Amino acid sequence: MRAKASNPVEFSFRGILLLILLAIVFTASNVYLSLKVGLSISASIPSALLAMSVLRFFKDNSILE
């Protein structure tokens, strides 16, 4: 089902799939850095930026997704 411009989609299959993929990658890198260097990073901002840049290439994207 395609969303109308006045009612954008907040949750989609591609958004959830991208969330899971980024969570796995950033969790693994955070654990590695924490154990190796002793430094932990906040992964929320980099993962949000990466998700927005990936979703930008889709035709029917929205900032809420």
PDB file of N, CA and C in Angstrom:
ATOM      1  N   MET A   1       0.841  -1.164   0.000  1.00  0.00           N
ATOM      2  CA  MET A   1       0.000   0.000   0.000  1.00  0.00           C
ATOM      3  C   MET A   1       0.890   1.232   0.000  1.00  0.00           C
ATOM      4  N   ARG A   2       0.621   2.157  -0.859  1.00  0.00           N
ATOM      5  CA  ARG A   2       1.404   3.372  -0.968  1.00  0.00           C
ATOM      6  C   ARG A   2       0.804   4.463  -0.090  1.00  0.00           C
ATOM      7  N   ALA A   3       1.659   5.179   0.617  1.00  0.00           N
ATOM      8  CA  ALA A   3       1.191   6.226   1.528  1.00  0.00           C
ATOM      9  C   ALA A   3       0.926   7.514   0.766  1.00  0.00           C
ATOM     10  N   LYS A   4      -0.053   8.258   1.222  1.00  0.00           N
ATOM     11  CA  LYS A   4      -0.345   9.563   0.646  1.00  0.00           C
ATOM     12  C   LYS A   4       0.590  10.592   1.245  1.00  0.00           C
ATOM     13  N   ALA A   5       0.703  11.732   0.587  1.00  0.00           N
ATOM     14  CA  ALA A   5       1.609  12.771   1.063  1.00  0.00           C
ATOM     15  C   ALA A   5       1.160  13.338   2.404  1.00  0.00           C
ATOM     16  N   SER A   6      -0.148  13.361   2.661  1.00  0.00           N
ATOM     17  CA  SER A   6      -0.632  13.914   3.919  1.00  0.00           C
ATOM     18  C   SER A   6      -0.545  12.909   5.069  1.00  0.00           C
ATOM     19  N   ASN A   7      -0.340  11.631   4.766  1.00  0.00           N
ATOM     20  CA  ASN A   7      -0.266  10.590   5.786  1.00  0.00           C
ATOM     21  C   ASN A   7       0.960   9.711   5.517  1.00  0.00           C
ATOM     22  N   PRO A   8       2.175  10.202   5.825  1.00  0.00           N
ATOM     23  CA  PRO A   8       3.373   9.410   5.505  1.00  0.00           C
ATOM     24  C   PRO A   8       3.520   8.197   6.413  1.00  0.00           C
ATOM     25  N   VAL A   9       4.186   7.187   5.896  1.00  0.00           N
ATOM     26  CA  VAL A   9       4.403   5.939   6.626  1.00  0.00           C
ATOM     27  C   VAL A   9       5.535   6.141   7.631  1.00  0.00           C
ATOM     28  N   GLU A  10       5.321   5.695   8.869  1.00  0.00           N
ATOM     29  CA  GLU A  10       6.357   5.791   9.893  1.00  0.00           C
ATOM     30  C   GLU A  10       7.138   4.492  10.029  1.00  0.00           C
ATOM     31  N   PHE A  11       6.477   3.356   9.882  1.00  0.00           N
ATOM     32  CA  PHE A  11       7.121   2.058   9.971  1.00  0.00           C
ATOM     33  C   PHE A  11       6.934   1.328   8.660  1.00  0.00           C
ATOM     34  N   SER A  12       8.019   0.770   8.143  1.00  0.00           N
ATOM     35  CA  SER A  12       7.943  -0.038   6.935  1.00  0.00           C
ATOM     36  C   SER A  12       8.907  -1.206   7.091  1.00  0.00           C
ATOM     37  N   PHE A  13       8.773  -2.149   6.191  1.00  0.00           N
ATOM     38  CA  PHE A  13       9.635  -3.322   6.240  1.00  0.00           C
ATOM     39  C   PHE A  13      11.090  -2.929   6.008  1.00  0.00           C
ATOM     40  N   ARG A  14      11.339  -2.040   5.056  1.00  0.00           N
ATOM     41  CA  ARG A  14      12.721  -1.641   4.781  1.00  0.00           C
ATOM     42  C   ARG A  14      13.312  -0.832   5.931  1.00  0.00           C
ATOM     43  N   GLY A  15      12.494  -0.047   6.613  1.00  0.00           N
ATOM     44  CA  GLY A  15      12.981   0.700   7.769  1.00  0.00           C
ATOM     45  C   GLY A  15      13.367  -0.214   8.913  1.00  0.00           C
ATOM     46  N   ILE A  16      12.550  -1.210   9.162  1.00  0.00           N
ATOM     47  CA  ILE A  16      12.837  -2.161  10.236  1.00  0.00           C
ATOM     48  C   ILE A  16      14.039  -3.029   9.885  1.00  0.00           C
ATOM     49  N   LEU A  17      14.152  -3.429   8.615  1.00  0.00           N
ATOM     50  CA  LEU A  17      15.303  -4.220   8.175  1.00  0.00           C
ATOM     51  C   LEU A  17      16.591  -3.414   8.295  1.00  0.00           C
ATOM     52  N   LEU A  18      16.536  -2.142   7.926  1.00  0.00           N
ATOM     53  CA  LEU A  18      17.702  -1.272   8.061  1.00  0.00           C
ATOM     54  C   LEU A  18      18.050  -1.053   9.532  1.00  0.00           C
ATOM     55  N   LEU A  19      17.053  -0.931  10.372  1.00  0.00           N
ATOM     56  CA  LEU A  19      17.274  -0.782  11.818  1.00  0.00           C
ATOM     57  C   LEU A  19      18.001  -1.991  12.385  1.00  0.00           C
ATOM     58  N   ILE A  20      17.572  -3.176  12.019  1.00  0.00           N
ATOM     59  CA  ILE A  20      18.200  -4.403  12.522  1.00  0.00           C
ATOM     60  C   ILE A  20      19.640  -4.512  12.039  1.00  0.00           C
ATOM     61  N   LEU A  21      19.872  -4.204  10.764  1.00  0.00           N
ATOM     62  CA  LEU A  21      21.219  -4.281  10.203  1.00  0.00           C
ATOM     63  C   LEU A  21      22.163  -3.285  10.880  1.00  0.00           C
ATOM     64  N   LEU A  22      21.721  -2.052  11.039  1.00  0.00           N
ATOM     65  CA  LEU A  22      22.562  -1.045  11.680  1.00  0.00           C
ATOM     66  C   LEU A  22      22.777  -1.345  13.168  1.00  0.00           C
ATOM     67  N   ALA A  23      21.786  -1.915  13.823  1.00  0.00           N
ATOM     68  CA  ALA A  23      21.942  -2.274  15.231  1.00  0.00           C
ATOM     69  C   ALA A  23      23.003  -3.356  15.404  1.00  0.00           C
ATOM     70  N   ILE A  24      23.019  -4.328  14.509  1.00  0.00           N
ATOM     71  CA  ILE A  24      24.016  -5.398  14.591  1.00  0.00           C
ATOM     72  C   ILE A  24      25.418  -4.840  14.351  1.00  0.00           C
ATOM     73  N   VAL A  25      25.568  -4.017  13.318  1.00  0.00           N
ATOM     74  CA  VAL A  25      26.889  -3.477  12.978  1.00  0.00           C
ATOM     75  C   VAL A  25      27.417  -2.561  14.080  1.00  0.00           C
ATOM     76  N   PHE A  26      26.580  -1.637  14.552  1.00  0.00           N
ATOM     77  CA  PHE A  26      27.059  -0.695  15.559  1.00  0.00           C
ATOM     78  C   PHE A  26      27.219  -1.341  16.933  1.00  0.00           C
ATOM     79  N   THR A  27      26.447  -2.344  17.247  1.00  0.00           N
ATOM     80  CA  THR A  27      26.643  -3.051  18.513  1.00  0.00           C
ATOM     81  C   THR A  27      27.954  -3.820  18.496  1.00  0.00           C
ATOM     82  N   ALA A  28      28.236  -4.479  17.387  1.00  0.00           N
ATOM     83  CA  ALA A  28      29.494  -5.221  17.283  1.00  0.00           C
ATOM     84  C   ALA A  28      30.695  -4.284  17.345  1.00  0.00           C
ATOM     85  N   SER A  29      30.608  -3.142  16.665  1.00  0.00           N
ATOM     86  CA  SER A  29      31.732  -2.209  16.705  1.00  0.00           C
ATOM     87  C   SER A  29      31.879  -1.571  18.083  1.00  0.00           C
ATOM     88  N   ASN A  30      30.776  -1.324  18.754  1.00  0.00           N
ATOM     89  CA  ASN A  30      30.834  -0.749  20.093  1.00  0.00           C
ATOM     90  C   ASN A  30      31.442  -1.734  21.094  1.00  0.00           C
ATOM     91  N   VAL A  31      31.080  -2.984  20.992  1.00  0.00           N
ATOM     92  CA  VAL A  31      31.654  -4.003  21.875  1.00  0.00           C
ATOM     93  C   VAL A  31      33.144  -4.155  21.606  1.00  0.00           C
ATOM     94  N   TYR A  32      33.532  -4.165  20.343  1.00  0.00           N
ATOM     95  CA  TYR A  32      34.951  -4.297  19.998  1.00  0.00           C
ATOM     96  C   TYR A  32      35.755  -3.116  20.532  1.00  0.00           C
ATOM     97  N   LEU A  33      35.269  -1.900  20.292  1.00  0.00           N
ATOM     98  CA  LEU A  33      35.987  -0.724  20.780  1.00  0.00           C
ATOM     99  C   LEU A  33      36.046  -0.682  22.301  1.00  0.00           C
ATOM    100  N   SER A  34      34.965  -1.080  22.941  1.00  0.00           N
ATOM    101  CA  SER A  34      34.948  -1.064  24.410  1.00  0.00           C
ATOM    102  C   SER A  34      35.954  -2.041  24.992  1.00  0.00           C
ATOM    103  N   LEU A  35      36.064  -3.214  24.388  1.00  0.00           N
ATOM    104  CA  LEU A  35      36.992  -4.214  24.907  1.00  0.00           C
ATOM    105  C   LEU A  35      38.436  -3.937  24.508  1.00  0.00           C
ATOM    106  N   LYS A  36      38.657  -3.440  23.309  1.00  0.00           N
ATOM    107  CA  LYS A  36      40.011  -3.229  22.805  1.00  0.00           C
ATOM    108  C   LYS A  36      40.628  -1.933  23.319  1.00  0.00           C
ATOM    109  N   VAL A  37      39.863  -0.833  23.244  1.00  0.00           N
ATOM    110  CA  VAL A  37      40.418   0.477  23.545  1.00  0.00           C
ATOM    111  C   VAL A  37      39.944   0.987  24.903  1.00  0.00           C
ATOM    112  N   GLY A  38      38.814   0.525  25.342  1.00  0.00           N
ATOM    113  CA  GLY A  38      38.250   1.027  26.583  1.00  0.00           C
ATOM    114  C   GLY A  38      37.403   2.268  26.367  1.00  0.00           C
ATOM    115  N   LEU A  39      36.958   2.474  25.134  1.00  0.00           N
ATOM    116  CA  LEU A  39      36.183   3.659  24.786  1.00  0.00           C
ATOM    117  C   LEU A  39      34.870   3.215  24.162  1.00  0.00           C
ATOM    118  N   SER A  40      33.784   3.719  24.670  1.00  0.00           N
ATOM    119  CA  SER A  40      32.458   3.377  24.150  1.00  0.00           C
ATOM    120  C   SER A  40      31.894   4.575  23.399  1.00  0.00           C
ATOM    121  N   ILE A  41      31.213   4.311  22.292  1.00  0.00           N
ATOM    122  CA  ILE A  41      30.651   5.388  21.490  1.00  0.00           C
ATOM    123  C   ILE A  41      29.130   5.350  21.564  1.00  0.00           C
ATOM    124  N   SER A  42      28.527   6.455  21.291  1.00  0.00           N
ATOM    125  CA  SER A  42      27.074   6.509  21.171  1.00  0.00           C
ATOM    126  C   SER A  42      26.733   6.291  19.703  1.00  0.00           C
ATOM    127  N   ALA A  43      26.033   5.237  19.419  1.00  0.00           N
ATOM    128  CA  ALA A  43      25.791   4.847  18.028  1.00  0.00           C
ATOM    129  C   ALA A  43      24.484   5.396  17.477  1.00  0.00           C
ATOM    130  N   SER A  44      23.727   6.127  18.242  1.00  0.00           N
ATOM    131  CA  SER A  44      22.412   6.563  17.759  1.00  0.00           C
ATOM    132  C   SER A  44      22.508   7.611  16.661  1.00  0.00           C
ATOM    133  N   ILE A  45      23.389   8.584  16.806  1.00  0.00           N
ATOM    134  CA  ILE A  45      23.491   9.635  15.801  1.00  0.00           C
ATOM    135  C   ILE A  45      24.107   9.118  14.498  1.00  0.00           C
ATOM    136  N   PRO A  46      25.227   8.381  14.528  1.00  0.00           N
ATOM    137  CA  PRO A  46      25.750   7.856  13.257  1.00  0.00           C
ATOM    138  C   PRO A  46      24.789   6.897  12.551  1.00  0.00           C
ATOM    139  N   SER A  47      24.080   6.074  13.312  1.00  0.00           N
ATOM    140  CA  SER A  47      23.140   5.155  12.671  1.00  0.00           C
ATOM    141  C   SER A  47      21.941   5.900  12.091  1.00  0.00           C
ATOM    142  N   ALA A  48      21.495   6.964  12.729  1.00  0.00           N
ATOM    143  CA  ALA A  48      20.400   7.762  12.166  1.00  0.00           C
ATOM    144  C   ALA A  48      20.826   8.452  10.874  1.00  0.00           C
ATOM    145  N   LEU A  49      22.045   8.977  10.844  1.00  0.00           N
ATOM    146  CA  LEU A  49      22.547   9.612   9.627  1.00  0.00           C
ATOM    147  C   LEU A  49      22.702   8.609   8.489  1.00  0.00           C
ATOM    148  N   LEU A  50      23.212   7.431   8.793  1.00  0.00           N
ATOM    149  CA  LEU A  50      23.347   6.401   7.762  1.00  0.00           C
ATOM    150  C   LEU A  50      21.992   5.931   7.256  1.00  0.00           C
ATOM    151  N   ALA A  51      21.035   5.773   8.157  1.00  0.00           N
ATOM    152  CA  ALA A  51      19.702   5.334   7.746  1.00  0.00           C
ATOM    153  C   ALA A  51      19.033   6.381   6.849  1.00  0.00           C
ATOM    154  N   MET A  52      19.167   7.661   7.202  1.00  0.00           N
ATOM    155  CA  MET A  52      18.580   8.704   6.361  1.00  0.00           C
ATOM    156  C   MET A  52      19.243   8.763   4.996  1.00  0.00           C
ATOM    157  N   SER A  53      20.559   8.552   4.942  1.00  0.00           N
ATOM    158  CA  SER A  53      21.236   8.596   3.649  1.00  0.00           C
ATOM    159  C   SER A  53      20.899   7.384   2.784  1.00  0.00           C
ATOM    160  N   VAL A  54      20.669   6.230   3.388  1.00  0.00           N
ATOM    161  CA  VAL A  54      20.272   5.044   2.615  1.00  0.00           C
ATOM    162  C   VAL A  54      18.828   5.173   2.136  1.00  0.00           C
ATOM    163  N   LEU A  55      17.936   5.618   3.006  1.00  0.00           N
ATOM    164  CA  LEU A  55      16.522   5.742   2.638  1.00  0.00           C
ATOM    165  C   LEU A  55      16.268   6.863   1.637  1.00  0.00           C
ATOM    166  N   ARG A  56      17.217   7.767   1.486  1.00  0.00           N
ATOM    167  CA  ARG A  56      17.069   8.863   0.530  1.00  0.00           C
ATOM    168  C   ARG A  56      16.978   8.355  -0.905  1.00  0.00           C
ATOM    169  N   PHE A  57      17.567   7.204  -1.187  1.00  0.00           N
ATOM    170  CA  PHE A  57      17.584   6.670  -2.540  1.00  0.00           C
ATOM    171  C   PHE A  57      16.266   6.022  -2.960  1.00  0.00           C
ATOM    172  N   PHE A  58      15.345   5.819  -2.038  1.00  0.00           N
ATOM    173  CA  PHE A  58      14.047   5.253  -2.370  1.00  0.00           C
ATOM    174  C   PHE A  58      13.095   6.359  -2.802  1.00  0.00           C
ATOM    175  N   LYS A  59      12.196   6.014  -3.693  1.00  0.00           N
ATOM    176  CA  LYS A  59      11.297   7.010  -4.275  1.00  0.00           C
ATOM    177  C   LYS A  59      10.270   7.528  -3.273  1.00  0.00           C
ATOM    178  N   ASP A  60       9.691   6.661  -2.485  1.00  0.00           N
ATOM    179  CA  ASP A  60       8.610   7.031  -1.570  1.00  0.00           C
ATOM    180  C   ASP A  60       9.076   7.094  -0.115  1.00  0.00           C
ATOM    181  N   ASN A  61      10.180   7.773   0.133  1.00  0.00           N
ATOM    182  CA  ASN A  61      10.702   7.870   1.500  1.00  0.00           C
ATOM    183  C   ASN A  61      10.093   9.072   2.221  1.00  0.00           C
ATOM    184  N   SER A  62      10.198   9.055   3.539  1.00  0.00           N
ATOM    185  CA  SER A  62       9.774  10.195   4.344  1.00  0.00           C
ATOM    186  C   SER A  62      10.734  10.317   5.518  1.00  0.00           C
ATOM    187  N   ILE A  63      10.810  11.488   6.114  1.00  0.00           N
ATOM    188  CA  ILE A  63      11.706  11.720   7.237  1.00  0.00           C
ATOM    189  C   ILE A  63      11.240  10.943   8.471  1.00  0.00           C
ATOM    190  N   LEU A  64       9.967  10.611   8.541  1.00  0.00           N
ATOM    191  CA  LEU A  64       9.451   9.864   9.686  1.00  0.00           C
ATOM    192  C   LEU A  64       9.888   8.412   9.661  1.00  0.00           C
ATOM    193  N   GLU A  65      10.184   7.907   8.479  1.00  0.00           N
ATOM    194  CA  GLU A  65      10.565   6.513   8.359  1.00  0.00           C
ATOM    195  C   GLU A  65      11.956   6.318   8.945  1.00  0.00           C
TER     196      GLU A  65
END
